């Protein structure tokens, strides 16, 4: 920190000798303001520990929601599968009955 101040004072002295003290002072103010605005903009875009913690909580919530949805989907698939098997059995019984009826009809003649 001390060396930075020493270098800044030396740079100010050199610039004020070459450009004049008003110009050197205006240039340092410009650089300070520009640096300050850049740092503020960077700070606004950085994530804090609270931001990261809230995002992690949202991720956990999302994972729980996905797990619940998977459970619901598997449950519905199981229900539909059982329903499909029931209707297939009814269809097969109907087809076998119709086939036997045709066979018996032709055998009697």
PDB file of N, CA and C in Angstrom:
ATOM      1  N   UNK A   1       0.833  -1.195   0.000  1.00  0.00           N
ATOM      2  CA  UNK A   1       0.000   0.000   0.000  1.00  0.00           C
ATOM      3  C   UNK A   1       0.873   1.252   0.000  1.00  0.00           C
ATOM      4  N   UNK A   2       1.941   1.244   0.804  1.00  0.00           N
ATOM      5  CA  UNK A   2       2.830   2.401   0.894  1.00  0.00           C
ATOM      6  C   UNK A   2       3.514   2.659  -0.429  1.00  0.00           C
ATOM      7  N   UNK A   3       3.919   1.575  -1.115  1.00  0.00           N
ATOM      8  CA  UNK A   3       4.617   1.742  -2.386  1.00  0.00           C
ATOM      9  C   UNK A   3       3.675   2.298  -3.467  1.00  0.00           C
ATOM     10  N   UNK A   4       2.395   1.937  -3.386  1.00  0.00           N
ATOM     11  CA  UNK A   4       1.429   2.477  -4.342  1.00  0.00           C
ATOM     12  C   UNK A   4       1.287   3.981  -4.173  1.00  0.00           C
ATOM     13  N   UNK A   5       1.200   4.427  -2.941  1.00  0.00           N
ATOM     14  CA  UNK A   5       1.082   5.860  -2.668  1.00  0.00           C
ATOM     15  C   UNK A   5       2.341   6.590  -3.127  1.00  0.00           C
ATOM     16  N   UNK A   6       3.486   5.970  -2.907  1.00  0.00           N
ATOM     17  CA  UNK A   6       4.756   6.573  -3.315  1.00  0.00           C
ATOM     18  C   UNK A   6       4.819   6.677  -4.839  1.00  0.00           C
ATOM     19  N   UNK A   7       4.395   5.611  -5.534  1.00  0.00           N
ATOM     20  CA  UNK A   7       4.401   5.624  -7.002  1.00  0.00           C
ATOM     21  C   UNK A   7       3.406   6.642  -7.545  1.00  0.00           C
ATOM     22  N   UNK A   8       2.243   6.752  -6.896  1.00  0.00           N
ATOM     23  CA  UNK A   8       1.235   7.716  -7.338  1.00  0.00           C
ATOM     24  C   UNK A   8       1.755   9.135  -7.179  1.00  0.00           C
ATOM     25  N   UNK A   9       2.408   9.422  -6.059  1.00  0.00           N
ATOM     26  CA  UNK A   9       2.964  10.769  -5.828  1.00  0.00           C
ATOM     27  C   UNK A   9       4.044  11.089  -6.855  1.00  0.00           C
ATOM     28  N   UNK A  10       4.869  10.123  -7.163  1.00  0.00           N
ATOM     29  CA  UNK A  10       5.937  10.318  -8.158  1.00  0.00           C
ATOM     30  C   UNK A  10       5.338  10.565  -9.543  1.00  0.00           C
ATOM     31  N   UNK A  11       4.299   9.767  -9.895  1.00  0.00           N
ATOM     32  CA  UNK A  11       3.645   9.940 -11.186  1.00  0.00           C
ATOM     33  C   UNK A  11       2.984  11.311 -11.272  1.00  0.00           C
ATOM     34  N   UNK A  12       2.339  11.727 -10.181  1.00  0.00           N
ATOM     35  CA  UNK A  12       1.688  13.044 -10.154  1.00  0.00           C
ATOM     36  C   UNK A  12       2.725  14.145 -10.350  1.00  0.00           C
ATOM     37  N   UNK A  13       3.875  14.010  -9.693  1.00  0.00           N
ATOM     38  CA  UNK A  13       4.935  15.016  -9.819  1.00  0.00           C
ATOM     39  C   UNK A  13       5.431  15.095 -11.259  1.00  0.00           C
ATOM     40  N   UNK A  14       5.660  13.913 -11.868  1.00  0.00           N
ATOM     41  CA  UNK A  14       6.144  13.901 -13.258  1.00  0.00           C
ATOM     42  C   UNK A  14       5.115  14.505 -14.216  1.00  0.00           C
ATOM     43  N   UNK A  15       3.852  14.139 -14.043  1.00  0.00           N
ATOM     44  CA  UNK A  15       2.814  14.666 -14.935  1.00  0.00           C
ATOM     45  C   UNK A  15       2.591  16.155 -14.730  1.00  0.00           C
ATOM     46  N   UNK A  16       2.653  16.599 -13.482  1.00  0.00           N
ATOM     47  CA  UNK A  16       2.436  18.030 -13.246  1.00  0.00           C
ATOM     48  C   UNK A  16       3.581  18.867 -13.815  1.00  0.00           C
ATOM     49  N   UNK A  17       4.792  18.293 -13.842  1.00  0.00           N
ATOM     50  CA  UNK A  17       5.920  19.007 -14.452  1.00  0.00           C
ATOM     51  C   UNK A  17       5.746  19.103 -15.966  1.00  0.00           C
ATOM     52  N   UNK A  18       5.255  18.024 -16.583  1.00  0.00           N
ATOM     53  CA  UNK A  18       5.109  17.991 -18.043  1.00  0.00           C
ATOM     54  C   UNK A  18       3.826  18.676 -18.514  1.00  0.00           C
ATOM     55  N   UNK A  19       2.686  18.393 -17.816  1.00  0.00           N
ATOM     56  CA  UNK A  19       1.390  18.866 -18.290  1.00  0.00           C
ATOM     57  C   UNK A  19       0.833  20.045 -17.495  1.00  0.00           C
ATOM     58  N   UNK A  20       1.347  20.277 -16.341  1.00  0.00           N
ATOM     59  CA  UNK A  20       0.806  21.314 -15.462  1.00  0.00           C
ATOM     60  C   UNK A  20      -0.020  20.654 -14.360  1.00  0.00           C
ATOM     61  N   UNK A  21      -0.073  21.324 -13.219  1.00  0.00           N
ATOM     62  CA  UNK A  21      -0.725  20.714 -12.060  1.00  0.00           C
ATOM     63  C   UNK A  21      -2.230  20.567 -12.267  1.00  0.00           C
ATOM     64  N   UNK A  22      -2.874  21.515 -12.948  1.00  0.00           N
ATOM     65  CA  UNK A  22      -4.326  21.419 -13.185  1.00  0.00           C
ATOM     66  C   UNK A  22      -4.667  20.215 -14.062  1.00  0.00           C
ATOM     67  N   UNK A  23      -3.913  20.027 -15.120  1.00  0.00           N
ATOM     68  CA  UNK A  23      -4.157  18.917 -16.035  1.00  0.00           C
ATOM     69  C   UNK A  23      -3.884  17.576 -15.344  1.00  0.00           C
ATOM     70  N   UNK A  24      -2.795  17.511 -14.597  1.00  0.00           N
ATOM     71  CA  UNK A  24      -2.460  16.273 -13.887  1.00  0.00           C
ATOM     72  C   UNK A  24      -3.536  15.945 -12.852  1.00  0.00           C
ATOM     73  N   UNK A  25      -4.012  16.961 -12.130  1.00  0.00           N
ATOM     74  CA  UNK A  25      -5.060  16.746 -11.127  1.00  0.00           C
ATOM     75  C   UNK A  25      -6.360  16.300 -11.784  1.00  0.00           C
ATOM     76  N   UNK A  26      -6.723  16.905 -12.897  1.00  0.00           N
ATOM     77  CA  UNK A  26      -7.938  16.513 -13.611  1.00  0.00           C
ATOM     78  C   UNK A  26      -7.816  15.075 -14.125  1.00  0.00           C
ATOM     79  N   UNK A  27      -6.628  14.704 -14.600  1.00  0.00           N
ATOM     80  CA  UNK A  27      -6.417  13.358 -15.099  1.00  0.00           C
ATOM     81  C   UNK A  27      -6.528  12.335 -13.958  1.00  0.00           C
ATOM     82  N   UNK A  28      -5.962  12.652 -12.797  1.00  0.00           N
ATOM     83  CA  UNK A  28      -6.071  11.733 -11.664  1.00  0.00           C
ATOM     84  C   UNK A  28      -7.513  11.607 -11.183  1.00  0.00           C
ATOM     85  N   UNK A  29      -8.258  12.697 -11.185  1.00  0.00           N
ATOM     86  CA  UNK A  29      -9.674  12.645 -10.793  1.00  0.00           C
ATOM     87  C   UNK A  29     -10.461  11.786 -11.770  1.00  0.00           C
ATOM     88  N   UNK A  30     -10.183  11.943 -13.060  1.00  0.00           N
ATOM     89  CA  UNK A  30     -10.856  11.150 -14.081  1.00  0.00           C
ATOM     90  C   UNK A  30     -10.574   9.663 -13.872  1.00  0.00           C
ATOM     91  N   UNK A  31      -9.306   9.330 -13.656  1.00  0.00           N
ATOM     92  CA  UNK A  31      -8.924   7.934 -13.450  1.00  0.00           C
ATOM     93  C   UNK A  31      -9.576   7.377 -12.188  1.00  0.00           C
ATOM     94  N   UNK A  32      -9.586   8.186 -11.104  1.00  0.00           N
ATOM     95  CA  UNK A  32     -10.224   7.737  -9.865  1.00  0.00           C
ATOM     96  C   UNK A  32     -11.713   7.481 -10.059  1.00  0.00           C
ATOM     97  N   UNK A  33     -12.404   8.416 -10.712  1.00  0.00           N
ATOM     98  CA  UNK A  33     -13.840   8.248 -10.955  1.00  0.00           C
ATOM     99  C   UNK A  33     -14.114   7.041 -11.843  1.00  0.00           C
ATOM    100  N   UNK A  34     -13.319   6.891 -12.869  1.00  0.00           N
ATOM    101  CA  UNK A  34     -13.503   5.766 -13.792  1.00  0.00           C
ATOM    102  C   UNK A  34     -13.269   4.431 -13.084  1.00  0.00           C
ATOM    103  N   UNK A  35     -12.238   4.384 -12.265  1.00  0.00           N
ATOM    104  CA  UNK A  35     -11.937   3.168 -11.505  1.00  0.00           C
ATOM    105  C   UNK A  35     -13.044   2.872 -10.502  1.00  0.00           C
ATOM    106  N   UNK A  36     -13.539   3.902  -9.831  1.00  0.00           N
ATOM    107  CA  UNK A  36     -14.609   3.732  -8.852  1.00  0.00           C
ATOM    108  C   UNK A  36     -15.874   3.190  -9.502  1.00  0.00           C
ATOM    109  N   UNK A  37     -16.245   3.741 -10.664  1.00  0.00           N
ATOM    110  CA  UNK A  37     -17.428   3.259 -11.380  1.00  0.00           C
ATOM    111  C   UNK A  37     -17.242   1.817 -11.847  1.00  0.00           C
ATOM    112  N   UNK A  38     -16.056   1.484 -12.286  1.00  0.00           N
ATOM    113  CA  UNK A  38     -15.777   0.118 -12.736  1.00  0.00           C
ATOM    114  C   UNK A  38     -15.879  -0.868 -11.576  1.00  0.00           C
ATOM    115  N   UNK A  39     -15.353  -0.487 -10.426  1.00  0.00           N
ATOM    116  CA  UNK A  39     -15.431  -1.354  -9.245  1.00  0.00           C
ATOM    117  C   UNK A  39     -16.884  -1.516  -8.809  1.00  0.00           C
ATOM    118  N   UNK A  40     -17.660  -0.436  -8.802  1.00  0.00           N
ATOM    119  CA  UNK A  40     -19.072  -0.514  -8.420  1.00  0.00           C
ATOM    120  C   UNK A  40     -19.849  -1.425  -9.370  1.00  0.00           C
ATOM    121  N   UNK A  41     -19.565  -1.313 -10.658  1.00  0.00           N
ATOM    122  CA  UNK A  41     -20.241  -2.169 -11.637  1.00  0.00           C
ATOM    123  C   UNK A  41     -19.874  -3.630 -11.422  1.00  0.00           C
ATOM    124  N   UNK A  42     -18.626  -3.879 -11.103  1.00  0.00           N
ATOM    125  CA  UNK A  42     -18.184  -5.257 -10.851  1.00  0.00           C
ATOM    126  C   UNK A  42     -18.835  -5.810  -9.593  1.00  0.00           C
ATOM    127  N   UNK A  43     -18.937  -4.987  -8.560  1.00  0.00           N
ATOM    128  CA  UNK A  43     -19.553  -5.430  -7.308  1.00  0.00           C
ATOM    129  C   UNK A  43     -21.023  -5.775  -7.531  1.00  0.00           C
ATOM    130  N   UNK A  44     -21.700  -5.019  -8.372  1.00  0.00           N
ATOM    131  CA  UNK A  44     -23.119  -5.300  -8.644  1.00  0.00           C
ATOM    132  C   UNK A  44     -23.310  -6.645  -9.334  1.00  0.00           C
ATOM    133  N   UNK A  45     -22.335  -7.068 -10.130  1.00  0.00           N
ATOM    134  CA  UNK A  45     -22.496  -8.319 -10.875  1.00  0.00           C
ATOM    135  C   UNK A  45     -21.986  -9.535 -10.114  1.00  0.00           C
ATOM    136  N   UNK A  46     -21.273  -9.330  -9.027  1.00  0.00           N
ATOM    137  CA  UNK A  46     -20.756 -10.460  -8.261  1.00  0.00           C
ATOM    138  C   UNK A  46     -21.846 -11.053  -7.388  1.00  0.00           C
ATOM    139  N   UNK A  47     -21.785 -12.353  -7.199  1.00  0.00           N
ATOM    140  CA  UNK A  47     -22.747 -13.036  -6.339  1.00  0.00           C
ATOM    141  C   UNK A  47     -22.209 -13.063  -4.907  1.00  0.00           C
ATOM    142  N   UNK A  48     -23.093 -12.802  -3.967  1.00  0.00           N
ATOM    143  CA  UNK A  48     -22.712 -12.854  -2.564  1.00  0.00           C
ATOM    144  C   UNK A  48     -22.995 -14.247  -2.012  1.00  0.00           C
ATOM    145  N   UNK A  49     -22.571 -14.479  -0.783  1.00  0.00           N
ATOM    146  CA  UNK A  49     -22.840 -15.771  -0.144  1.00  0.00           C
ATOM    147  C   UNK A  49     -24.343 -15.981  -0.010  1.00  0.00           C
ATOM    148  N   UNK A  50     -25.076 -14.910   0.274  1.00  0.00           N
ATOM    149  CA  UNK A  50     -26.537 -15.026   0.383  1.00  0.00           C
ATOM    150  C   UNK A  50     -27.159 -15.414  -0.954  1.00  0.00           C
ATOM    151  N   UNK A  51     -26.654 -14.820  -2.040  1.00  0.00           N
ATOM    152  CA  UNK A  51     -27.158 -15.165  -3.372  1.00  0.00           C
ATOM    153  C   UNK A  51     -26.921 -16.647  -3.669  1.00  0.00           C
ATOM    154  N   UNK A  52     -25.735 -17.106  -3.363  1.00  0.00           N
ATOM    155  CA  UNK A  52     -25.406 -18.509  -3.625  1.00  0.00           C
ATOM    156  C   UNK A  52     -26.252 -19.430  -2.754  1.00  0.00           C
ATOM    157  N   UNK A  53     -26.450 -19.051  -1.480  1.00  0.00           N
ATOM    158  CA  UNK A  53     -27.266 -19.868  -0.581  1.00  0.00           C
ATOM    159  C   UNK A  53     -28.711 -19.941  -1.068  1.00  0.00           C
ATOM    160  N   UNK A  54     -29.243 -18.820  -1.551  1.00  0.00           N
ATOM    161  CA  UNK A  54     -30.630 -18.840  -2.044  1.00  0.00           C
ATOM    162  C   UNK A  54     -30.746 -19.678  -3.317  1.00  0.00           C
ATOM    163  N   UNK A  55     -29.732 -19.623  -4.167  1.00  0.00           N
ATOM    164  CA  UNK A  55     -29.757 -20.441  -5.386  1.00  0.00           C
ATOM    165  C   UNK A  55     -29.672 -21.919  -5.025  1.00  0.00           C
ATOM    166  N   UNK A  56     -28.842 -22.252  -4.036  1.00  0.00           N
ATOM    167  CA  UNK A  56     -28.757 -23.650  -3.605  1.00  0.00           C
ATOM    168  C   UNK A  56     -30.087 -24.128  -3.045  1.00  0.00           C
ATOM    169  N   UNK A  57     -30.754 -23.264  -2.276  1.00  0.00           N
ATOM    170  CA  UNK A  57     -32.062 -23.635  -1.728  1.00  0.00           C
ATOM    171  C   UNK A  57     -33.067 -23.857  -2.857  1.00  0.00           C
ATOM    172  N   UNK A  58     -33.024 -23.002  -3.873  1.00  0.00           N
ATOM    173  CA  UNK A  58     -33.918 -23.166  -5.024  1.00  0.00           C
ATOM    174  C   UNK A  58     -33.622 -24.478  -5.756  1.00  0.00           C
ATOM    175  N   UNK A  59     -32.348 -24.832  -5.864  1.00  0.00           N
ATOM    176  CA  UNK A  59     -31.975 -26.081  -6.532  1.00  0.00           C
ATOM    177  C   UNK A  59     -32.505 -27.276  -5.748  1.00  0.00           C
ATOM    178  N   UNK A  60     -32.379 -27.228  -4.421  1.00  0.00           N
ATOM    179  CA  UNK A  60     -32.895 -28.315  -3.592  1.00  0.00           C
ATOM    180  C   UNK A  60     -34.410 -28.435  -3.759  1.00  0.00           C
ATOM    181  N   UNK A  61     -35.099 -27.280  -3.743  1.00  0.00           N
ATOM    182  CA  UNK A  61     -36.554 -27.296  -3.940  1.00  0.00           C
ATOM    183  C   UNK A  61     -36.919 -27.882  -5.299  1.00  0.00           C
ATOM    184  N   UNK A  62     -36.172 -27.487  -6.320  1.00  0.00           N
ATOM    185  CA  UNK A  62     -36.434 -27.983  -7.669  1.00  0.00           C
ATOM    186  C   UNK A  62     -36.205 -29.495  -7.742  1.00  0.00           C
ATOM    187  N   UNK A  63     -35.145 -29.975  -7.098  1.00  0.00           N
ATOM    188  CA  UNK A  63     -34.885 -31.415  -7.087  1.00  0.00           C
ATOM    189  C   UNK A  63     -36.030 -32.159  -6.404  1.00  0.00           C
ATOM    190  N   UNK A  64     -36.547 -31.608  -5.303  1.00  0.00           N
ATOM    191  CA  UNK A  64     -37.672 -32.245  -4.612  1.00  0.00           C
ATOM    192  C   UNK A  64     -38.913 -32.263  -5.497  1.00  0.00           C
ATOM    193  N   UNK A  65     -39.162 -31.163  -6.197  1.00  0.00           N
ATOM    194  CA  UNK A  65     -40.313 -31.107  -7.103  1.00  0.00           C
ATOM    195  C   UNK A  65     -40.170 -32.142  -8.219  1.00  0.00           C
ATOM    196  N   UNK A  66     -38.971 -32.281  -8.761  1.00  0.00           N
ATOM    197  CA  UNK A  66     -38.729 -33.256  -9.824  1.00  0.00           C
ATOM    198  C   UNK A  66     -38.955 -34.671  -9.297  1.00  0.00           C
ATOM    199  N   UNK A  67     -38.475 -34.939  -8.075  1.00  0.00           N
ATOM    200  CA  UNK A  67     -38.668 -36.272  -7.489  1.00  0.00           C
ATOM    201  C   UNK A  67     -40.158 -36.549  -7.297  1.00  0.00           C
ATOM    202  N   UNK A  68     -40.913 -35.545  -6.843  1.00  0.00           N
ATOM    203  CA  UNK A  68     -42.362 -35.719  -6.668  1.00  0.00           C
ATOM    204  C   UNK A  68     -43.051 -35.959  -8.008  1.00  0.00           C
ATOM    205  N   UNK A  69     -42.638 -35.217  -9.034  1.00  0.00           N
ATOM    206  CA  UNK A  69     -43.228 -35.397 -10.358  1.00  0.00           C
ATOM    207  C   UNK A  69     -42.920 -36.793 -10.913  1.00  0.00           C
ATOM    208  N   UNK A  70     -41.691 -37.255 -10.700  1.00  0.00           N
ATOM    209  CA  UNK A  70     -41.333 -38.607 -11.163  1.00  0.00           C
ATOM    210  C   UNK A  70     -42.196 -39.650 -10.470  1.00  0.00           C
ATOM    211  N   UNK A  71     -42.412 -39.464  -9.176  1.00  0.00           N
ATOM    212  CA  UNK A  71     -43.251 -40.408  -8.435  1.00  0.00           C
ATOM    213  C   UNK A  71     -44.677 -40.396  -8.991  1.00  0.00           C
ATOM    214  N   UNK A  72     -45.214 -39.178  -9.215  1.00  0.00           N
ATOM    215  CA  UNK A  72     -46.575 -39.067  -9.755  1.00  0.00           C
ATOM    216  C   UNK A  72     -46.686 -39.704 -11.137  1.00  0.00           C
ATOM    217  N   UNK A  73     -45.691 -39.479 -11.973  1.00  0.00           N
ATOM    218  CA  UNK A  73     -45.714 -40.041 -13.327  1.00  0.00           C
ATOM    219  C   UNK A  73     -45.654 -41.569 -13.274  1.00  0.00           C
ATOM    220  N   UNK A  74     -44.766 -42.101 -12.434  1.00  0.00           N
ATOM    221  CA  UNK A  74     -44.677 -43.561 -12.318  1.00  0.00           C
ATOM    222  C   UNK A  74     -45.980 -44.150 -11.788  1.00  0.00           C
ATOM    223  N   UNK A  75     -46.600 -43.452 -10.859  1.00  0.00           N
ATOM    224  CA  UNK A  75     -47.874 -43.918 -10.309  1.00  0.00           C
ATOM    225  C   UNK A  75     -48.943 -43.947 -11.398  1.00  0.00           C
ATOM    226  N   UNK A  76     -49.017 -42.867 -12.199  1.00  0.00           N
ATOM    227  CA  UNK A  76     -50.007 -42.817 -13.283  1.00  0.00           C
ATOM    228  C   UNK A  76     -49.726 -43.883 -14.338  1.00  0.00           C
ATOM    229  N   UNK A  77     -48.462 -44.094 -14.659  1.00  0.00           N
ATOM    230  CA  UNK A  77     -48.122 -45.129 -15.642  1.00  0.00           C
ATOM    231  C   UNK A  77     -48.562 -46.491 -15.133  1.00  0.00           C
ATOM    232  N   UNK A  78     -48.329 -46.759 -13.856  1.00  0.00           N
ATOM    233  CA  UNK A  78     -48.758 -48.028 -13.273  1.00  0.00           C
ATOM    234  C   UNK A  78     -50.264 -48.197 -13.326  1.00  0.00           C
ATOM    235  N   UNK A  79     -51.000 -47.114 -13.033  1.00  0.00           N
ATOM    236  CA  UNK A  79     -52.463 -47.187 -13.083  1.00  0.00           C
ATOM    237  C   UNK A  79     -52.940 -47.448 -14.507  1.00  0.00           C
ATOM    238  N   UNK A  80     -52.349 -46.754 -15.472  1.00  0.00           N
ATOM    239  CA  UNK A  80     -52.749 -46.946 -16.870  1.00  0.00           C
ATOM    240  C   UNK A  80     -52.358 -48.323 -17.377  1.00  0.00           C
ATOM    241  N   UNK A  81     -51.235 -48.831 -16.902  1.00  0.00           N
ATOM    242  CA  UNK A  81     -50.803 -50.163 -17.323  1.00  0.00           C
ATOM    243  C   UNK A  81     -51.789 -51.221 -16.836  1.00  0.00           C
ATOM    244  N   UNK A  82     -52.215 -51.084 -15.589  1.00  0.00           N
ATOM    245  CA  UNK A  82     -53.192 -52.037 -15.049  1.00  0.00           C
ATOM    246  C   UNK A  82     -54.522 -51.927 -15.790  1.00  0.00           C
ATOM    247  N   UNK A  83     -54.918 -50.727 -16.092  1.00  0.00           N
ATOM    248  CA  UNK A  83     -56.171 -50.512 -16.826  1.00  0.00           C
ATOM    249  C   UNK A  83     -56.071 -51.104 -18.233  1.00  0.00           C
ATOM    250  N   UNK A  84     -54.927 -50.935 -18.882  1.00  0.00           N
ATOM    251  CA  UNK A  84     -54.729 -51.489 -20.225  1.00  0.00           C
ATOM    252  C   UNK A  84     -54.780 -53.011 -20.204  1.00  0.00           C
ATOM    253  N   UNK A  85     -54.161 -53.619 -19.213  1.00  0.00           N
ATOM    254  CA  UNK A  85     -54.186 -55.084 -19.106  1.00  0.00           C
ATOM    255  C   UNK A  85     -55.614 -55.574 -18.919  1.00  0.00           C
ATOM    256  N   UNK A  86     -56.391 -54.864 -18.100  1.00  0.00           N
ATOM    257  CA  UNK A  86     -57.788 -55.256 -17.874  1.00  0.00           C
ATOM    258  C   UNK A  86     -58.566 -55.210 -19.182  1.00  0.00           C
ATOM    259  N   UNK A  87     -58.418 -54.137 -19.953  1.00  0.00           N
ATOM    260  CA  UNK A  87     -59.156 -54.024 -21.211  1.00  0.00           C
ATOM    261  C   UNK A  87     -58.657 -55.022 -22.255  1.00  0.00           C
ATOM    262  N   UNK A  88     -57.358 -55.320 -22.242  1.00  0.00           N
ATOM    263  CA  UNK A  88     -56.843 -56.330 -23.165  1.00  0.00           C
ATOM    264  C   UNK A  88     -57.438 -57.695 -22.842  1.00  0.00           C
ATOM    265  N   UNK A  89     -57.554 -58.023 -21.552  1.00  0.00           N
ATOM    266  CA  UNK A  89     -58.160 -59.299 -21.157  1.00  0.00           C
ATOM    267  C   UNK A  89     -59.611 -59.366 -21.632  1.00  0.00           C
ATOM    268  N   UNK A  90     -60.352 -58.272 -21.449  1.00  0.00           N
ATOM    269  CA  UNK A  90     -61.748 -58.235 -21.904  1.00  0.00           C
ATOM    270  C   UNK A  90     -61.810 -58.414 -23.423  1.00  0.00           C
ATOM    271  N   UNK A  91     -60.912 -57.774 -24.162  1.00  0.00           N
ATOM    272  CA  UNK A  91     -60.866 -57.893 -25.609  1.00  0.00           C
ATOM    273  C   UNK A  91     -60.568 -59.341 -26.017  1.00  0.00           C
ATOM    274  N   UNK A  92     -59.572 -59.960 -25.359  1.00  0.00           N
ATOM    275  CA  UNK A  92     -59.216 -61.343 -25.694  1.00  0.00           C
ATOM    276  C   UNK A  92     -60.378 -62.296 -25.435  1.00  0.00           C
ATOM    277  N   UNK A  93     -61.054 -62.102 -24.309  1.00  0.00           N
ATOM    278  CA  UNK A  93     -62.196 -62.966 -24.003  1.00  0.00           C
ATOM    279  C   UNK A  93     -63.265 -62.790 -25.074  1.00  0.00           C
ATOM    280  N   UNK A  94     -63.518 -61.591 -25.492  1.00  0.00           N
ATOM    281  CA  UNK A  94     -64.498 -61.325 -26.550  1.00  0.00           C
ATOM    282  C   UNK A  94     -64.086 -61.951 -27.865  1.00  0.00           C
ATOM    283  N   UNK A  95     -62.810 -61.842 -28.213  1.00  0.00           N
ATOM    284  CA  UNK A  95     -62.327 -62.428 -29.463  1.00  0.00           C
ATOM    285  C   UNK A  95     -62.394 -63.955 -29.442  1.00  0.00           C
ATOM    286  N   UNK A  96     -62.013 -64.543 -28.326  1.00  0.00           N
ATOM    287  CA  UNK A  96     -62.080 -66.009 -28.212  1.00  0.00           C
ATOM    288  C   UNK A  96     -63.530 -66.468 -28.283  1.00  0.00           C
ATOM    289  N   UNK A  97     -64.432 -65.731 -27.612  1.00  0.00           N
ATOM    290  CA  UNK A  97     -65.862 -66.085 -27.659  1.00  0.00           C
ATOM    291  C   UNK A  97     -66.389 -66.015 -29.082  1.00  0.00           C
ATOM    292  N   UNK A  98     -66.053 -64.951 -29.796  1.00  0.00           N
ATOM    293  CA  UNK A  98     -66.517 -64.804 -31.175  1.00  0.00           C
ATOM    294  C   UNK A  98     -65.940 -65.905 -32.061  1.00  0.00           C
ATOM    295  N   UNK A  99     -64.649 -66.219 -31.874  1.00  0.00           N
ATOM    296  CA  UNK A  99     -64.018 -67.271 -32.669  1.00  0.00           C
ATOM    297  C   UNK A  99     -64.672 -68.637 -32.388  1.00  0.00           C
ATOM    298  N   UNK A 100     -64.915 -68.936 -31.121  1.00  0.00           N
ATOM    299  CA  UNK A 100     -65.571 -70.195 -30.779  1.00  0.00           C
ATOM    300  C   UNK A 100     -66.990 -70.253 -31.343  1.00  0.00           C
ATOM    301  N   UNK A 101     -67.682 -69.137 -31.319  1.00  0.00           N
ATOM    302  CA  UNK A 101     -69.046 -69.100 -31.864  1.00  0.00           C
ATOM    303  C   UNK A 101     -69.024 -69.393 -33.358  1.00  0.00           C
ATOM    304  N   UNK A 102     -68.057 -68.813 -34.098  1.00  0.00           N
ATOM    305  CA  UNK A 102     -67.962 -69.097 -35.543  1.00  0.00           C
ATOM    306  C   UNK A 102     -67.593 -70.553 -35.788  1.00  0.00           C
ATOM    307  N   UNK A 103     -66.692 -71.079 -35.001  1.00  0.00           N
ATOM    308  CA  UNK A 103     -66.293 -72.479 -35.176  1.00  0.00           C
ATOM    309  C   UNK A 103     -67.478 -73.400 -34.913  1.00  0.00           C
ATOM    310  N   UNK A 104     -68.186 -73.155 -33.815  1.00  0.00           N
ATOM    311  CA  UNK A 104     -69.354 -73.977 -33.494  1.00  0.00           C
ATOM    312  C   UNK A 104     -70.441 -73.841 -34.560  1.00  0.00           C
ATOM    313  N   UNK A 105     -70.597 -72.675 -35.120  1.00  0.00           N
ATOM    314  CA  UNK A 105     -71.595 -72.440 -36.165  1.00  0.00           C
ATOM    315  C   UNK A 105     -71.269 -73.273 -37.401  1.00  0.00           C
ATOM    316  N   UNK A 106     -69.985 -73.300 -37.795  1.00  0.00           N
ATOM    317  CA  UNK A 106     -69.584 -74.070 -38.976  1.00  0.00           C
ATOM    318  C   UNK A 106     -69.553 -75.569 -38.692  1.00  0.00           C
ATOM    319  N   UNK A 107     -69.256 -75.992 -37.472  1.00  0.00           N
ATOM    320  CA  UNK A 107     -69.217 -77.414 -37.136  1.00  0.00           C
ATOM    321  C   UNK A 107     -70.624 -77.999 -37.125  1.00  0.00           C
ATOM    322  N   UNK A 108     -71.618 -77.273 -36.672  1.00  0.00           N
ATOM    323  CA  UNK A 108     -72.996 -77.749 -36.628  1.00  0.00           C
ATOM    324  C   UNK A 108     -73.549 -77.970 -38.021  1.00  0.00           C
ATOM    325  N   UNK A 109     -73.119 -77.308 -39.016  1.00  0.00           N
ATOM    326  CA  UNK A 109     -73.667 -77.438 -40.374  1.00  0.00           C
ATOM    327  C   UNK A 109     -73.111 -78.599 -41.015  1.00  0.00           C
TER     328      UNK A 109
END
